[in-house]
């Protein structure tokens, strides 16, 4: 059973509207947030590269997690949107990998990540839960 790595409460700080490209509509969402968890605490910033096609959002995310102790973790996540009954809420899920040079957190280099997220379309805030096996 997956174990919670951290929860994030974040906000989008910049949106690059690129427009329609081959394959769908492209937007880049720059974000930052605070993370809390028993295993990791700190701040996160990154870019969510989103491609919307046929009503489904496909995302590729690059993040930098800085722990409260100053350790750096790079995280790469991929995922897609899920159907939602609330038109103001986007539900997402996916998988990912982490990498760090921290000896204390070296175990992160070996574990797969799964995650789910909720984005509020009205106030550009989001929350997510990130788990590892």
C-alpha atoms as a PDB file:
ATOM      1  CA  UNK A   1       0.000   0.000   0.000  1.00  0.00           C
ATOM      2  CA  UNK A   2       1.380   3.450  -0.907  1.00  0.00           C
ATOM      3  CA  UNK A   3       2.667   5.698   1.888  1.00  0.00           C
ATOM      4  CA  UNK A   4       2.071   9.443   1.947  1.00  0.00           C
ATOM      5  CA  UNK A   5       5.246  11.295   1.059  1.00  0.00           C
ATOM      6  CA  UNK A   6       3.791  14.821   1.309  1.00  0.00           C
ATOM      7  CA  UNK A   7       0.756  17.005   0.660  1.00  0.00           C
ATOM      8  CA  UNK A   8       1.074  20.278  -1.193  1.00  0.00           C
ATOM      9  CA  UNK A   9      -1.075  23.366  -1.025  1.00  0.00           C
ATOM     10  CA  UNK A  10      -0.066  25.557  -3.916  1.00  0.00           C
ATOM     11  CA  UNK A  11      -0.889  28.305  -6.326  1.00  0.00           C
ATOM     12  CA  UNK A  12      -0.142  29.084  -9.942  1.00  0.00           C
ATOM     13  CA  UNK A  13       2.049  32.181 -10.229  1.00  0.00           C
ATOM     14  CA  UNK A  14       2.298  32.466 -14.024  1.00  0.00           C
ATOM     15  CA  UNK A  15       0.494  30.912 -16.982  1.00  0.00           C
ATOM     16  CA  UNK A  16       2.040  30.788 -20.462  1.00  0.00           C
ATOM     17  CA  UNK A  17      -0.800  30.467 -22.989  1.00  0.00           C
ATOM     18  CA  UNK A  18       0.911  29.012 -26.031  1.00  0.00           C
ATOM     19  CA  UNK A  19      -2.235  28.111 -27.977  1.00  0.00           C
ATOM     20  CA  UNK A  20      -3.144  25.340 -30.372  1.00  0.00           C
ATOM     21  CA  UNK A  21      -0.225  23.262 -31.520  1.00  0.00           C
ATOM     22  CA  UNK A  22      -0.207  19.908 -33.286  1.00  0.00           C
ATOM     23  CA  UNK A  23      -1.736  17.538 -30.757  1.00  0.00           C
ATOM     24  CA  UNK A  24      -3.853  19.996 -28.749  1.00  0.00           C
ATOM     25  CA  UNK A  25      -3.884  23.244 -26.782  1.00  0.00           C
ATOM     26  CA  UNK A  26      -0.650  23.953 -24.868  1.00  0.00           C
ATOM     27  CA  UNK A  27      -0.322  25.943 -21.635  1.00  0.00           C
ATOM     28  CA  UNK A  28       2.529  26.052 -19.136  1.00  0.00           C
ATOM     29  CA  UNK A  29       1.557  26.588 -15.499  1.00  0.00           C
ATOM     30  CA  UNK A  30       4.325  27.856 -13.192  1.00  0.00           C
ATOM     31  CA  UNK A  31       3.564  27.104  -9.548  1.00  0.00           C
ATOM     32  CA  UNK A  32       4.839  27.153  -6.002  1.00  0.00           C
ATOM     33  CA  UNK A  33       3.596  25.804  -2.716  1.00  0.00           C
ATOM     34  CA  UNK A  34       4.223  24.550   0.783  1.00  0.00           C
ATOM     35  CA  UNK A  35       4.564  20.836   1.476  1.00  0.00           C
ATOM     36  CA  UNK A  36       3.795  18.937   4.660  1.00  0.00           C
ATOM     37  CA  UNK A  37       4.293  15.273   5.420  1.00  0.00           C
ATOM     38  CA  UNK A  38       5.798  12.896   7.943  1.00  0.00           C
ATOM     39  CA  UNK A  39       8.636  12.100   5.534  1.00  0.00           C
ATOM     40  CA  UNK A  40       9.118  15.430   3.734  1.00  0.00           C
ATOM     41  CA  UNK A  41       8.457  19.059   4.630  1.00  0.00           C
ATOM     42  CA  UNK A  42       9.483  22.115   2.683  1.00  0.00           C
ATOM     43  CA  UNK A  43       8.649  24.144  -0.394  1.00  0.00           C
ATOM     44  CA  UNK A  44       8.027  23.205  -3.980  1.00  0.00           C
ATOM     45  CA  UNK A  45       8.196  25.133  -7.221  1.00  0.00           C
ATOM     46  CA  UNK A  46       7.859  23.928 -10.753  1.00  0.00           C
ATOM     47  CA  UNK A  47       6.226  24.013 -14.148  1.00  0.00           C
ATOM     48  CA  UNK A  48       3.260  21.964 -15.296  1.00  0.00           C
ATOM     49  CA  UNK A  49       3.386  21.532 -19.085  1.00  0.00           C
ATOM     50  CA  UNK A  50      -0.267  20.892 -20.010  1.00  0.00           C
ATOM     51  CA  UNK A  51      -1.649  19.695 -23.322  1.00  0.00           C
ATOM     52  CA  UNK A  52      -5.449  19.523 -23.643  1.00  0.00           C
ATOM     53  CA  UNK A  53      -6.882  17.297 -26.340  1.00  0.00           C
ATOM     54  CA  UNK A  54     -10.466  16.078 -26.694  1.00  0.00           C
ATOM     55  CA  UNK A  55     -11.335  17.348 -23.201  1.00  0.00           C
ATOM     56  CA  UNK A  56      -8.508  15.499 -21.434  1.00  0.00           C
ATOM     57  CA  UNK A  57      -5.547  17.338 -19.929  1.00  0.00           C
ATOM     58  CA  UNK A  58      -2.222  15.517 -20.300  1.00  0.00           C
ATOM     59  CA  UNK A  59       0.524  16.894 -18.075  1.00  0.00           C
ATOM     60  CA  UNK A  60       4.254  16.629 -17.661  1.00  0.00           C
ATOM     61  CA  UNK A  61       5.560  18.320 -14.509  1.00  0.00           C
ATOM     62  CA  UNK A  62       9.096  19.291 -13.469  1.00  0.00           C
ATOM     63  CA  UNK A  63       9.547  20.305  -9.819  1.00  0.00           C
ATOM     64  CA  UNK A  64      12.211  21.308  -7.349  1.00  0.00           C
ATOM     65  CA  UNK A  65      11.467  20.370  -3.742  1.00  0.00           C
ATOM     66  CA  UNK A  66      13.580  22.101  -1.085  1.00  0.00           C
ATOM     67  CA  UNK A  67      13.302  20.444   2.325  1.00  0.00           C
ATOM     68  CA  UNK A  68      13.281  22.362   5.593  1.00  0.00           C
ATOM     69  CA  UNK A  69      16.907  21.168   5.995  1.00  0.00           C
ATOM     70  CA  UNK A  70      17.889  22.684   2.620  1.00  0.00           C
ATOM     71  CA  UNK A  71      18.126  19.389   0.708  1.00  0.00           C
ATOM     72  CA  UNK A  72      17.158  19.533  -2.977  1.00  0.00           C
ATOM     73  CA  UNK A  73      14.967  16.934  -4.699  1.00  0.00           C
ATOM     74  CA  UNK A  74      14.082  16.956  -8.377  1.00  0.00           C
ATOM     75  CA  UNK A  75      10.700  15.419  -9.145  1.00  0.00           C
ATOM     76  CA  UNK A  76       9.234  14.595 -12.535  1.00  0.00           C
ATOM     77  CA  UNK A  77       5.545  13.656 -12.740  1.00  0.00           C
ATOM     78  CA  UNK A  78       3.259  12.655 -15.604  1.00  0.00           C
ATOM     79  CA  UNK A  79      -0.497  12.314 -15.565  1.00  0.00           C
ATOM     80  CA  UNK A  80      -3.892  13.113 -16.978  1.00  0.00           C
ATOM     81  CA  UNK A  81      -7.228  14.572 -15.960  1.00  0.00           C
ATOM     82  CA  UNK A  82     -10.191  12.504 -14.800  1.00  0.00           C
ATOM     83  CA  UNK A  83     -13.888  13.188 -15.307  1.00  0.00           C
ATOM     84  CA  UNK A  84     -15.286  15.570 -12.682  1.00  0.00           C
ATOM     85  CA  UNK A  85     -18.889  16.325 -11.763  1.00  0.00           C
ATOM     86  CA  UNK A  86     -17.868  19.837 -10.654  1.00  0.00           C
ATOM     87  CA  UNK A  87     -17.052  22.045 -13.695  1.00  0.00           C
ATOM     88  CA  UNK A  88     -14.907  24.314 -11.491  1.00  0.00           C
ATOM     89  CA  UNK A  89     -12.649  21.451 -10.335  1.00  0.00           C
ATOM     90  CA  UNK A  90     -10.023  19.549 -12.341  1.00  0.00           C
ATOM     91  CA  UNK A  91      -9.044  16.131 -10.972  1.00  0.00           C
ATOM     92  CA  UNK A  92      -5.679  14.685 -11.989  1.00  0.00           C
ATOM     93  CA  UNK A  93      -3.657  11.537 -11.293  1.00  0.00           C
ATOM     94  CA  UNK A  94      -0.381  10.078 -12.403  1.00  0.00           C
ATOM     95  CA  UNK A  95       3.030   8.636 -11.653  1.00  0.00           C
ATOM     96  CA  UNK A  96       6.527  10.014 -11.204  1.00  0.00           C
ATOM     97  CA  UNK A  97      10.132   9.678 -10.074  1.00  0.00           C
ATOM     98  CA  UNK A  98      12.340  11.645  -7.709  1.00  0.00           C
ATOM     99  CA  UNK A  99      16.081  12.203  -7.626  1.00  0.00           C
ATOM    100  CA  UNK A 100      18.327  13.663  -4.953  1.00  0.00           C
ATOM    101  CA  UNK A 101      21.968  13.885  -3.971  1.00  0.00           C
ATOM    102  CA  UNK A 102      21.047  13.894  -0.277  1.00  0.00           C
ATOM    103  CA  UNK A 103      22.439  10.832   1.492  1.00  0.00           C
ATOM    104  CA  UNK A 104      19.643  11.048   4.061  1.00  0.00           C
ATOM    105  CA  UNK A 105      17.006  10.898   1.324  1.00  0.00           C
ATOM    106  CA  UNK A 106      18.818   8.610  -1.144  1.00  0.00           C
ATOM    107  CA  UNK A 107      16.008   6.032  -0.829  1.00  0.00           C
ATOM    108  CA  UNK A 108      13.835   8.440  -2.892  1.00  0.00           C
ATOM    109  CA  UNK A 109      15.989   7.672  -5.937  1.00  0.00           C
ATOM    110  CA  UNK A 110      14.655   4.106  -5.977  1.00  0.00           C
ATOM    111  CA  UNK A 111      10.904   4.367  -5.297  1.00  0.00           C
ATOM    112  CA  UNK A 112       8.097   5.041  -7.763  1.00  0.00           C
ATOM    113  CA  UNK A 113       5.694   7.859  -6.997  1.00  0.00           C
ATOM    114  CA  UNK A 114       1.931   8.035  -7.504  1.00  0.00           C
ATOM    115  CA  UNK A 115      -0.084  11.190  -7.009  1.00  0.00           C
ATOM    116  CA  UNK A 116      -3.477  12.849  -7.266  1.00  0.00           C
ATOM    117  CA  UNK A 117      -4.355  16.520  -7.467  1.00  0.00           C
ATOM    118  CA  UNK A 118      -7.294  18.904  -7.368  1.00  0.00           C
ATOM    119  CA  UNK A 119      -7.215  22.239  -9.203  1.00  0.00           C
ATOM    120  CA  UNK A 120      -9.774  24.955  -8.565  1.00  0.00           C
ATOM    121  CA  UNK A 121     -10.367  26.745 -11.884  1.00  0.00           C
ATOM    122  CA  UNK A 122     -11.784  29.848 -10.162  1.00  0.00           C
ATOM    123  CA  UNK A 123      -8.950  30.813  -7.825  1.00  0.00           C
ATOM    124  CA  UNK A 124      -5.916  29.115  -9.495  1.00  0.00           C
ATOM    125  CA  UNK A 125      -5.076  27.194  -6.319  1.00  0.00           C
ATOM    126  CA  UNK A 126      -4.433  23.481  -6.154  1.00  0.00           C
ATOM    127  CA  UNK A 127      -3.741  20.721  -3.703  1.00  0.00           C
ATOM    128  CA  UNK A 128      -2.042  17.397  -4.257  1.00  0.00           C
ATOM    129  CA  UNK A 129      -1.064  14.253  -2.412  1.00  0.00           C
ATOM    130  CA  UNK A 130       2.117  12.419  -3.378  1.00  0.00           C
ATOM    131  CA  UNK A 131       2.720   8.814  -2.350  1.00  0.00           C
ATOM    132  CA  UNK A 132       5.519   6.255  -2.694  1.00  0.00           C
ATOM    133  CA  UNK A 133       5.539   2.467  -2.495  1.00  0.00           C
END
